[in-house]
């Protein structure tokens, strides 16, 4: 599956904020934003920041959300098209679809310190949905689904370490999480007000793709 393979800290620096792409590192003094809070590149430090308006503002918002969830442009555009065809507010639909990706759900459950790590756990076959192995990160969960670590992976050191690291992190109300049994149940659709770790203005993305 195609994905971004370059250095991720430069993505945070490009957006000028923490996108929490590297798990524990983002909360430490080693975070790139703490050490070098300027745009990447040869002239990043000396370049005067531009005031974004119109298209530039919309583009940066789309890039930020795309990078947070680890999607390439075609994947993100297809997700937007699906959101636009659903009933309701397109922006809310988009955020709901992104949150219902299996890799994001595993991350929200605290079974990964970052979305990238959660995606790796899914791809390596450590996760099952309703008793069946699913190794597709973009798999869309729905209310009533049960997500858990497979029996053969319950002693995986990386999974157990991630559980310990994220044990203090609050879990969204739309997922019933039992970290002891490495299991969670989707009890509702994601609520937009719970997606507040990073400020996102999805209306700018709707305006960008509606041109």
Protein backbone atom coordinates (compact mmCIF):
# COMPACT_ATOMS: atom_id res chain seq x y z
CA UNK A 1 0.00 0.00 0.00
CA UNK A 2 1.39 3.40 -0.96
CA UNK A 3 2.20 5.73 1.91
CA UNK A 4 4.52 8.58 2.83
CA UNK A 5 7.94 7.14 3.74
CA UNK A 6 9.93 10.33 4.40
CA UNK A 7 10.78 12.02 7.72
CA UNK A 8 7.56 12.85 9.54
CA UNK A 9 8.87 15.57 11.86
CA UNK A 10 9.32 17.87 8.88
CA UNK A 11 5.58 17.56 8.24
CA UNK A 12 4.85 19.07 11.65
CA UNK A 13 7.38 21.81 11.01
CA UNK A 14 5.79 22.57 7.63
CA UNK A 15 2.37 22.97 9.25
CA UNK A 16 3.84 24.94 12.16
CA UNK A 17 2.23 22.76 14.84
CA UNK A 18 2.41 19.37 16.46
CA UNK A 19 0.53 16.75 14.46
CA UNK A 20 1.45 13.99 16.95
CA UNK A 21 2.88 11.68 14.30
CA UNK A 22 5.61 10.04 16.39
CA UNK A 23 3.87 8.99 19.59
CA UNK A 24 5.90 9.53 22.79
CA UNK A 25 8.50 11.70 21.06
CA UNK A 26 5.88 14.39 20.41
CA UNK A 27 5.43 14.88 24.17
CA UNK A 28 9.16 15.16 24.92
CA UNK A 29 11.86 17.79 24.47
CA UNK A 30 13.01 15.88 21.38
CA UNK A 31 9.96 17.05 19.43
CA UNK A 32 11.02 18.93 16.29
CA UNK A 33 8.60 21.77 16.99
CA UNK A 34 10.25 22.33 20.38
CA UNK A 35 13.75 22.35 18.88
CA UNK A 36 13.25 23.88 15.41
CA UNK A 37 9.94 25.66 15.13
CA UNK A 38 10.42 26.90 11.58
CA UNK A 39 9.70 25.53 8.11
CA UNK A 40 12.00 22.76 6.82
CA UNK A 41 14.45 23.37 4.02
CA UNK A 42 17.54 25.44 3.36
CA UNK A 43 15.79 28.79 3.76
CA UNK A 44 13.17 27.77 6.29
CA UNK A 45 14.64 29.69 9.19
CA UNK A 46 15.32 32.91 7.30
CA UNK A 47 12.13 32.92 5.23
CA UNK A 48 9.54 35.41 6.41
CA UNK A 49 6.25 33.60 7.13
CA UNK A 50 3.51 34.50 4.68
CA UNK A 51 0.02 35.40 5.74
CA UNK A 52 -2.25 32.76 4.22
CA UNK A 53 -5.56 33.73 2.67
CA UNK A 54 -8.05 32.08 0.34
CA UNK A 55 -6.70 29.09 -1.55
CA UNK A 56 -3.46 28.95 0.45
CA UNK A 57 -5.37 28.67 3.72
CA UNK A 58 -7.64 25.96 2.32
CA UNK A 59 -4.69 23.99 0.91
CA UNK A 60 -2.75 24.06 4.19
CA UNK A 61 -5.82 22.84 6.09
CA UNK A 62 -6.28 19.94 3.68
CA UNK A 63 -2.60 19.02 3.85
CA UNK A 64 -2.67 19.15 7.65
CA UNK A 65 -5.64 16.78 7.95
CA UNK A 66 -4.26 14.47 5.27
CA UNK A 67 -0.97 14.20 7.13
CA UNK A 68 -2.61 13.68 10.52
CA UNK A 69 -4.48 10.63 9.23
CA UNK A 70 -1.62 9.42 7.01
CA UNK A 71 -3.45 9.48 3.67
CA UNK A 72 -2.12 10.20 0.23
CA UNK A 73 -3.96 12.65 -2.02
CA UNK A 74 -6.01 10.09 -3.97
CA UNK A 75 -7.12 8.30 -0.79
CA UNK A 76 -8.12 11.58 0.81
CA UNK A 77 -9.99 12.82 -2.25
CA UNK A 78 -11.92 9.54 -2.50
CA UNK A 79 -12.86 9.83 1.17
CA UNK A 80 -14.11 13.36 0.56
CA UNK A 81 -16.20 12.21 -2.42
CA UNK A 82 -17.81 9.55 -0.25
CA UNK A 83 -18.53 12.13 2.47
CA UNK A 84 -20.10 14.48 -0.09
CA UNK A 85 -22.49 11.73 -1.24
CA UNK A 86 -23.69 10.98 2.30
CA UNK A 87 -26.62 12.71 3.97
CA UNK A 88 -25.79 15.49 6.39
CA UNK A 89 -22.98 18.04 6.62
CA UNK A 90 -20.09 17.11 4.31
CA UNK A 91 -17.39 18.33 6.70
CA UNK A 92 -18.78 16.32 9.62
CA UNK A 93 -19.16 13.27 7.37
CA UNK A 94 -15.52 13.60 6.28
CA UNK A 95 -14.23 13.70 9.85
CA UNK A 96 -16.46 10.78 10.82
CA UNK A 97 -15.13 8.65 7.96
CA UNK A 98 -11.55 9.46 8.87
CA UNK A 99 -12.13 8.57 12.52
CA UNK A 100 -13.82 5.28 11.60
CA UNK A 101 -10.78 3.97 9.76
CA UNK A 102 -9.54 0.83 11.50
CA UNK A 103 -6.03 2.19 12.04
CA UNK A 104 -7.44 5.34 13.67
CA UNK A 105 -9.77 3.28 15.88
CA UNK A 106 -6.86 1.12 17.06
CA UNK A 107 -4.94 4.33 17.83
CA UNK A 108 -7.93 5.82 19.69
CA UNK A 109 -8.25 2.64 21.74
CA UNK A 110 -4.70 3.13 22.98
CA UNK A 111 -3.23 0.11 21.21
CA UNK A 112 -0.76 2.29 19.32
CA UNK A 113 1.23 5.34 20.40
CA UNK A 114 0.70 6.88 16.96
CA UNK A 115 -1.52 6.29 13.95
CA UNK A 116 1.50 5.01 12.04
CA UNK A 117 2.17 2.36 14.68
CA UNK A 118 -1.51 1.42 14.80
CA UNK A 119 -1.53 1.10 11.00
CA UNK A 120 1.47 -1.22 11.20
CA UNK A 121 -0.28 -3.43 13.76
CA UNK A 122 -3.27 -3.71 11.42
CA UNK A 123 -1.15 -4.45 8.35
CA UNK A 124 0.79 -7.13 10.19
CA UNK A 125 -2.41 -8.99 11.03
CA UNK A 126 -2.50 -8.39 14.79
CA UNK A 127 -6.07 -7.00 14.80
CA UNK A 128 -9.41 -8.68 14.23
CA UNK A 129 -12.91 -7.25 13.77
CA UNK A 130 -15.88 -9.32 14.89
CA UNK A 131 -13.64 -12.37 15.22
CA UNK A 132 -12.08 -12.11 11.74
CA UNK A 133 -8.58 -10.87 10.94
CA UNK A 134 -8.56 -7.57 9.09
CA UNK A 135 -5.28 -6.21 7.74
CA UNK A 136 -6.67 -3.26 5.80
CA UNK A 137 -6.01 0.06 7.64
CA UNK A 138 -8.80 1.86 5.75
CA UNK A 139 -11.43 -0.69 6.81
CA UNK A 140 -14.47 1.28 7.97
CA UNK A 141 -15.87 0.22 11.33
CA UNK A 142 -19.52 0.68 12.26
CA UNK A 143 -21.55 0.70 15.48
CA UNK A 144 -21.68 -2.76 17.03
CA UNK A 145 -18.28 -3.86 15.70
CA UNK A 146 -15.84 -5.44 18.15
CA UNK A 147 -12.16 -4.69 17.60
CA UNK A 148 -9.56 -6.71 19.47
CA UNK A 149 -6.04 -8.04 19.34
CA UNK A 150 -5.85 -11.57 17.95
CA UNK A 151 -5.12 -14.38 20.39
CA UNK A 152 -1.78 -15.14 18.75
CA UNK A 153 -0.66 -11.50 19.17
CA UNK A 154 -1.64 -10.88 22.79
CA UNK A 155 1.95 -11.23 23.98
CA UNK A 156 3.37 -8.94 21.31
CA UNK A 157 5.89 -6.71 23.12
CA UNK A 158 5.21 -3.60 21.00
CA UNK A 159 1.45 -3.86 21.56
CA UNK A 160 1.83 -4.29 25.30
CA UNK A 161 4.29 -1.41 25.50
CA UNK A 162 1.90 0.84 23.57
CA UNK A 163 -0.91 -0.09 25.97
CA UNK A 164 1.22 0.93 28.95
CA UNK A 165 2.23 4.23 27.40
CA UNK A 166 -1.35 5.22 26.49
CA UNK A 167 -3.06 3.87 29.62
CA UNK A 168 -3.50 7.39 31.04
CA UNK A 169 -4.91 8.87 27.81
CA UNK A 170 -8.67 9.42 27.79
CA UNK A 171 -10.61 7.33 25.27
CA UNK A 172 -13.48 8.66 23.10
CA UNK A 173 -16.97 7.96 24.40
CA UNK A 174 -18.03 6.27 21.14
CA UNK A 175 -15.68 3.36 21.85
CA UNK A 176 -16.02 1.09 24.89
CA UNK A 177 -12.40 0.13 25.60
CA UNK A 178 -11.14 -2.69 27.81
CA UNK A 179 -7.37 -2.41 27.75
CA UNK A 180 -6.91 -5.40 30.02
CA UNK A 181 -8.43 -7.69 27.40
CA UNK A 182 -7.08 -5.59 24.48
CA UNK A 183 -10.59 -5.15 23.18
CA UNK A 184 -13.01 -2.41 22.23
CA UNK A 185 -16.60 -2.09 20.94
CA UNK A 186 -17.96 0.68 18.73
CA UNK A 187 -21.11 1.90 20.45
CA UNK A 188 -21.90 4.96 18.29
CA UNK A 189 -20.68 7.09 15.43
CA UNK A 190 -17.81 9.49 16.27
CA UNK A 191 -18.81 12.88 17.66
CA UNK A 192 -17.18 15.89 16.04
CA UNK A 193 -16.62 17.62 19.38
CA UNK A 194 -14.38 14.78 20.53
CA UNK A 195 -11.90 15.30 17.68
CA UNK A 196 -10.17 18.21 19.39
CA UNK A 197 -6.55 17.11 19.89
CA UNK A 198 -5.55 19.25 16.92
CA UNK A 199 -7.63 22.25 15.73
CA UNK A 200 -9.20 21.41 12.38
CA UNK A 201 -11.49 23.55 10.22
CA UNK A 202 -12.98 20.99 7.86
CA UNK A 203 -15.13 23.66 6.16
CA UNK A 204 -11.99 24.98 4.47
CA UNK A 205 -11.44 21.53 2.94
CA UNK A 206 -15.03 21.43 1.70
CA UNK A 207 -14.54 24.85 0.09
CA UNK A 208 -11.27 23.72 -1.53
CA UNK A 209 -12.75 20.59 -3.14
CA UNK A 210 -15.98 22.36 -4.13
CA UNK A 211 -14.24 24.73 -6.55
